Amino acid sequence: MENKTARLTVLIDPARKQAFEKLCHAQDTTPSQVMRRLIRDFLVEHGVKYAPTPVKKTRK
């Protein structure tokens, strides 16, 4: 899983949001998971390379 370090706000009309959330629920996924997959696929499609932020280890 990717490290959650940034927030992306997307504005869409309420009817589209409701339809998207309903479809995500029907496919047993979350809107966030779908958007992360969309962004990853879009970057790959356009050959964009990036280094994911490393996960910080916690000390016990």
PDB file of N, CA and C in Angstrom:
ATOM      1  N   MET A   1       0.844  -1.187   0.000  1.00  0.00           N
ATOM      2  CA  MET A   1       0.000   0.000   0.000  1.00  0.00           C
ATOM      3  C   MET A   1       0.879   1.236   0.000  1.00  0.00           C
ATOM      4  N   GLU A   2       0.441   2.246  -0.662  1.00  0.00           N
ATOM      5  CA  GLU A   2       1.188   3.486  -0.730  1.00  0.00           C
ATOM      6  C   GLU A   2       1.084   4.244   0.577  1.00  0.00           C
ATOM      7  N   ASN A   3       2.120   5.029   0.851  1.00  0.00           N
ATOM      8  CA  ASN A   3       2.121   5.875   2.037  1.00  0.00           C
ATOM      9  C   ASN A   3       1.170   7.041   1.809  1.00  0.00           C
ATOM     10  N   LYS A   4       0.235   7.264   2.716  1.00  0.00           N
ATOM     11  CA  LYS A   4      -0.755   8.334   2.546  1.00  0.00           C
ATOM     12  C   LYS A   4      -0.174   9.630   3.089  1.00  0.00           C
ATOM     13  N   THR A   5       0.295  10.497   2.199  1.00  0.00           N
ATOM     14  CA  THR A   5       0.943  11.723   2.636  1.00  0.00           C
ATOM     15  C   THR A   5       0.320  12.979   2.065  1.00  0.00           C
ATOM     16  N   ALA A   6      -0.546  12.860   1.093  1.00  0.00           N
ATOM     17  CA  ALA A   6      -1.105  14.051   0.459  1.00  0.00           C
ATOM     18  C   ALA A   6      -2.580  13.839   0.165  1.00  0.00           C
ATOM     19  N   ARG A   7      -3.292  14.931   0.100  1.00  0.00           N
ATOM     20  CA  ARG A   7      -4.729  14.889  -0.185  1.00  0.00           C
ATOM     21  C   ARG A   7      -4.973  15.566  -1.534  1.00  0.00           C
ATOM     22  N   LEU A   8      -5.868  14.981  -2.315  1.00  0.00           N
ATOM     23  CA  LEU A   8      -6.271  15.536  -3.599  1.00  0.00           C
ATOM     24  C   LEU A   8      -7.779  15.748  -3.542  1.00  0.00           C
ATOM     25  N   THR A   9      -8.222  16.966  -3.732  1.00  0.00           N
ATOM     26  CA  THR A   9      -9.649  17.271  -3.701  1.00  0.00           C
ATOM     27  C   THR A   9     -10.158  17.403  -5.126  1.00  0.00           C
ATOM     28  N   VAL A  10     -11.233  16.686  -5.417  1.00  0.00           N
ATOM     29  CA  VAL A  10     -11.824  16.708  -6.748  1.00  0.00           C
ATOM     30  C   VAL A  10     -13.272  17.153  -6.615  1.00  0.00           C
ATOM     31  N   LEU A  11     -13.652  18.146  -7.379  1.00  0.00           N
ATOM     32  CA  LEU A  11     -15.033  18.634  -7.350  1.00  0.00           C
ATOM     33  C   LEU A  11     -15.794  18.065  -8.541  1.00  0.00           C
ATOM     34  N   ILE A  12     -16.896  17.365  -8.249  1.00  0.00           N
ATOM     35  CA  ILE A  12     -17.764  16.832  -9.291  1.00  0.00           C
ATOM     36  C   ILE A  12     -19.214  17.079  -8.867  1.00  0.00           C
ATOM     37  N   ASP A  13     -20.121  16.948  -9.821  1.00  0.00           N
ATOM     38  CA  ASP A  13     -21.518  17.202  -9.482  1.00  0.00           C
ATOM     39  C   ASP A  13     -22.045  16.074  -8.586  1.00  0.00           C
ATOM     40  N   PRO A  14     -22.993  16.383  -7.715  1.00  0.00           N
ATOM     41  CA  PRO A  14     -23.493  15.410  -6.732  1.00  0.00           C
ATOM     42  C   PRO A  14     -24.052  14.117  -7.342  1.00  0.00           C
ATOM     43  N   ALA A  15     -24.746  14.204  -8.459  1.00  0.00           N
ATOM     44  CA  ALA A  15     -25.312  13.001  -9.073  1.00  0.00           C
ATOM     45  C   ALA A  15     -24.204  12.069  -9.558  1.00  0.00           C
ATOM     46  N   ARG A  16     -23.158  12.617 -10.135  1.00  0.00           N
ATOM     47  CA  ARG A  16     -22.031  11.809 -10.610  1.00  0.00           C
ATOM     48  C   ARG A  16     -21.303  11.173  -9.424  1.00  0.00           C
ATOM     49  N   LYS A  17     -21.137  11.937  -8.353  1.00  0.00           N
ATOM     50  CA  LYS A  17     -20.482  11.415  -7.142  1.00  0.00           C
ATOM     51  C   LYS A  17     -21.283  10.247  -6.576  1.00  0.00           C
ATOM     52  N   GLN A  18     -22.582  10.402  -6.497  1.00  0.00           N
ATOM     53  CA  GLN A  18     -23.436   9.348  -5.958  1.00  0.00           C
ATOM     54  C   GLN A  18     -23.353   8.081  -6.823  1.00  0.00           C
ATOM     55  N   ALA A  19     -23.386   8.246  -8.131  1.00  0.00           N
ATOM     56  CA  ALA A  19     -23.296   7.105  -9.040  1.00  0.00           C
ATOM     57  C   ALA A  19     -21.943   6.410  -8.906  1.00  0.00           C
ATOM     58  N   PHE A  20     -20.870   7.200  -8.780  1.00  0.00           N
ATOM     59  CA  PHE A  20     -19.518   6.658  -8.625  1.00  0.00           C
ATOM     60  C   PHE A  20     -19.403   5.871  -7.323  1.00  0.00           C
ATOM     61  N   GLU A  21     -19.891   6.437  -6.231  1.00  0.00           N
ATOM     62  CA  GLU A  21     -19.834   5.756  -4.940  1.00  0.00           C
ATOM     63  C   GLU A  21     -20.661   4.474  -4.953  1.00  0.00           C
ATOM     64  N   LYS A  22     -21.813   4.507  -5.603  1.00  0.00           N
ATOM     65  CA  LYS A  22     -22.672   3.318  -5.688  1.00  0.00           C
ATOM     66  C   LYS A  22     -21.966   2.215  -6.476  1.00  0.00           C
ATOM     67  N   LEU A  23     -21.337   2.567  -7.588  1.00  0.00           N
ATOM     68  CA  LEU A  23     -20.612   1.590  -8.394  1.00  0.00           C
ATOM     69  C   LEU A  23     -19.422   1.023  -7.619  1.00  0.00           C
ATOM     70  N   CYS A  24     -18.693   1.876  -6.928  1.00  0.00           N
ATOM     71  CA  CYS A  24     -17.560   1.405  -6.119  1.00  0.00           C
ATOM     72  C   CYS A  24     -18.043   0.405  -5.076  1.00  0.00           C
ATOM     73  N   HIS A  25     -19.130   0.738  -4.391  1.00  0.00           N
ATOM     74  CA  HIS A  25     -19.679  -0.154  -3.374  1.00  0.00           C
ATOM     75  C   HIS A  25     -20.078  -1.499  -3.993  1.00  0.00           C
ATOM     76  N   ALA A  26     -20.702  -1.463  -5.157  1.00  0.00           N
ATOM     77  CA  ALA A  26     -21.133  -2.687  -5.838  1.00  0.00           C
ATOM     78  C   ALA A  26     -19.941  -3.558  -6.224  1.00  0.00           C
ATOM     79  N   GLN A  27     -18.788  -2.931  -6.446  1.00  0.00           N
ATOM     80  CA  GLN A  27     -17.589  -3.671  -6.830  1.00  0.00           C
ATOM     81  C   GLN A  27     -16.672  -3.923  -5.633  1.00  0.00           C
ATOM     82  N   ASP A  28     -17.180  -3.680  -4.429  1.00  0.00           N
ATOM     83  CA  ASP A  28     -16.453  -3.920  -3.183  1.00  0.00           C
ATOM     84  C   ASP A  28     -15.091  -3.218  -3.171  1.00  0.00           C
ATOM     85  N   THR A  29     -15.109  -1.954  -3.550  1.00  0.00           N
ATOM     86  CA  THR A  29     -13.905  -1.131  -3.518  1.00  0.00           C
ATOM     87  C   THR A  29     -14.305   0.243  -2.994  1.00  0.00           C
ATOM     88  N   THR A  30     -13.329   1.090  -2.752  1.00  0.00           N
ATOM     89  CA  THR A  30     -13.627   2.442  -2.293  1.00  0.00           C
ATOM     90  C   THR A  30     -13.304   3.442  -3.397  1.00  0.00           C
ATOM     91  N   PRO A  31     -13.940   4.609  -3.356  1.00  0.00           N
ATOM     92  CA  PRO A  31     -13.595   5.640  -4.335  1.00  0.00           C
ATOM     93  C   PRO A  31     -12.105   5.998  -4.284  1.00  0.00           C
ATOM     94  N   SER A  32     -11.524   6.020  -3.110  1.00  0.00           N
ATOM     95  CA  SER A  32     -10.093   6.341  -2.992  1.00  0.00           C
ATOM     96  C   SER A  32      -9.230   5.304  -3.697  1.00  0.00           C
ATOM     97  N   GLN A  33      -9.568   4.020  -3.543  1.00  0.00           N
ATOM     98  CA  GLN A  33      -8.798   2.973  -4.212  1.00  0.00           C
ATOM     99  C   GLN A  33      -8.886   3.116  -5.727  1.00  0.00           C
ATOM    100  N   VAL A  34     -10.069   3.437  -6.217  1.00  0.00           N
ATOM    101  CA  VAL A  34     -10.256   3.608  -7.665  1.00  0.00           C
ATOM    102  C   VAL A  34      -9.443   4.803  -8.163  1.00  0.00           C
ATOM    103  N   MET A  35      -9.465   5.899  -7.427  1.00  0.00           N
ATOM    104  CA  MET A  35      -8.721   7.090  -7.848  1.00  0.00           C
ATOM    105  C   MET A  35      -7.207   6.844  -7.813  1.00  0.00           C
ATOM    106  N   ARG A  36      -6.720   6.147  -6.776  1.00  0.00           N
ATOM    107  CA  ARG A  36      -5.283   5.836  -6.735  1.00  0.00           C
ATOM    108  C   ARG A  36      -4.882   4.970  -7.918  1.00  0.00           C
ATOM    109  N   ARG A  37      -5.722   3.977  -8.255  1.00  0.00           N
ATOM    110  CA  ARG A  37      -5.435   3.115  -9.404  1.00  0.00           C
ATOM    111  C   ARG A  37      -5.460   3.930 -10.702  1.00  0.00           C
ATOM    112  N   LEU A  38      -6.435   4.823 -10.837  1.00  0.00           N
ATOM    113  CA  LEU A  38      -6.525   5.680 -12.017  1.00  0.00           C
ATOM    114  C   LEU A  38      -5.255   6.523 -12.181  1.00  0.00           C
ATOM    115  N   ILE A  39      -4.795   7.107 -11.087  1.00  0.00           N
ATOM    116  CA  ILE A  39      -3.599   7.949 -11.143  1.00  0.00           C
ATOM    117  C   ILE A  39      -2.367   7.116 -11.496  1.00  0.00           C
ATOM    118  N   ARG A  40      -2.206   5.938 -10.850  1.00  0.00           N
ATOM    119  CA  ARG A  40      -1.070   5.065 -11.178  1.00  0.00           C
ATOM    120  C   ARG A  40      -1.085   4.690 -12.651  1.00  0.00           C
ATOM    121  N   ASP A  41      -2.252   4.248 -13.153  1.00  0.00           N
ATOM    122  CA  ASP A  41      -2.361   3.844 -14.556  1.00  0.00           C
ATOM    123  C   ASP A  41      -2.085   5.002 -15.506  1.00  0.00           C
ATOM    124  N   PHE A  42      -2.557   6.181 -15.165  1.00  0.00           N
ATOM    125  CA  PHE A  42      -2.350   7.368 -15.995  1.00  0.00           C
ATOM    126  C   PHE A  42      -0.857   7.706 -16.077  1.00  0.00           C
ATOM    127  N   LEU A  43      -0.166   7.625 -14.940  1.00  0.00           N
ATOM    128  CA  LEU A  43       1.277   7.891 -14.934  1.00  0.00           C
ATOM    129  C   LEU A  43       2.030   6.868 -15.784  1.00  0.00           C
ATOM    130  N   VAL A  44       1.682   5.596 -15.638  1.00  0.00           N
ATOM    131  CA  VAL A  44       2.324   4.546 -16.427  1.00  0.00           C
ATOM    132  C   VAL A  44       2.047   4.754 -17.915  1.00  0.00           C
ATOM    133  N   GLU A  45       0.806   5.037 -18.250  1.00  0.00           N
ATOM    134  CA  GLU A  45       0.412   5.246 -19.645  1.00  0.00           C
ATOM    135  C   GLU A  45       1.231   6.342 -20.311  1.00  0.00           C
ATOM    136  N   HIS A  46       1.602   7.341 -19.546  1.00  0.00           N
ATOM    137  CA  HIS A  46       2.345   8.471 -20.099  1.00  0.00           C
ATOM    138  C   HIS A  46       3.838   8.413 -19.785  1.00  0.00           C
ATOM    139  N   GLY A  47       4.284   7.270 -19.272  1.00  0.00           N
ATOM    140  CA  GLY A  47       5.712   7.053 -19.047  1.00  0.00           C
ATOM    141  C   GLY A  47       6.318   7.920 -17.967  1.00  0.00           C
ATOM    142  N   VAL A  48       5.508   8.355 -17.010  1.00  0.00           N
ATOM    143  CA  VAL A  48       6.016   9.209 -15.930  1.00  0.00           C
ATOM    144  C   VAL A  48       6.604   8.324 -14.837  1.00  0.00           C
ATOM    145  N   LYS A  49       7.857   8.583 -14.501  1.00  0.00           N
ATOM    146  CA  LYS A  49       8.539   7.853 -13.431  1.00  0.00           C
ATOM    147  C   LYS A  49       8.509   8.698 -12.165  1.00  0.00           C
ATOM    148  N   TYR A  50       8.329   8.033 -11.048  1.00  0.00           N
ATOM    149  CA  TYR A  50       8.362   8.730  -9.768  1.00  0.00           C
ATOM    150  C   TYR A  50       8.833   7.751  -8.707  1.00  0.00           C
ATOM    151  N   ALA A  51       9.384   8.272  -7.652  1.00  0.00           N
ATOM    152  CA  ALA A  51       9.831   7.447  -6.536  1.00  0.00           C
ATOM    153  C   ALA A  51       8.816   7.590  -5.413  1.00  0.00           C
ATOM    154  N   PRO A  52       8.129   6.501  -5.073  1.00  0.00           N
ATOM    155  CA  PRO A  52       7.158   6.581  -3.977  1.00  0.00           C
ATOM    156  C   PRO A  52       7.853   7.011  -2.677  1.00  0.00           C
ATOM    157  N   THR A  53       7.117   7.719  -1.847  1.00  0.00           N
ATOM    158  CA  THR A  53       7.648   8.151  -0.561  1.00  0.00           C
ATOM    159  C   THR A  53       7.874   6.926   0.311  1.00  0.00           C
ATOM    160  N   PRO A  54       9.087   6.785   0.882  1.00  0.00           N
ATOM    161  CA  PRO A  54       9.333   5.609   1.731  1.00  0.00           C
ATOM    162  C   PRO A  54       8.482   5.639   3.002  1.00  0.00           C
ATOM    163  N   VAL A  55       8.093   4.460   3.463  1.00  0.00           N
ATOM    164  CA  VAL A  55       7.317   4.334   4.674  1.00  0.00           C
ATOM    165  C   VAL A  55       8.265   4.486   5.859  1.00  0.00           C
ATOM    166  N   LYS A  56       7.913   5.364   6.798  1.00  0.00           N
ATOM    167  CA  LYS A  56       8.764   5.572   7.969  1.00  0.00           C
ATOM    168  C   LYS A  56       8.551   4.433   8.959  1.00  0.00           C
ATOM    169  N   LYS A  57       9.659   3.922   9.473  1.00  0.00           N
ATOM    170  CA  LYS A  57       9.594   2.844  10.456  1.00  0.00           C
ATOM    171  C   LYS A  57       9.464   3.457  11.847  1.00  0.00           C
ATOM    172  N   THR A  58       8.623   2.845  12.664  1.00  0.00           N
ATOM    173  CA  THR A  58       8.453   3.324  14.028  1.00  0.00           C
ATOM    174  C   THR A  58       9.295   2.480  14.969  1.00  0.00           C
ATOM    175  N   ARG A  59       9.801   3.129  15.993  1.00  0.00           N
ATOM    176  CA  ARG A  59      10.625   2.436  16.983  1.00  0.00           C
ATOM    177  C   ARG A  59       9.748   1.937  18.102  1.00  0.00           C
ATOM    178  N   LYS A  60      10.097   0.774  18.636  1.00  0.00           N
ATOM    179  CA  LYS A  60       9.348   0.209  19.756  1.00  0.00           C
ATOM    180  C   LYS A  60      10.053   0.466  21.048  1.00  0.00           C
TER     181      LYS A  60
END
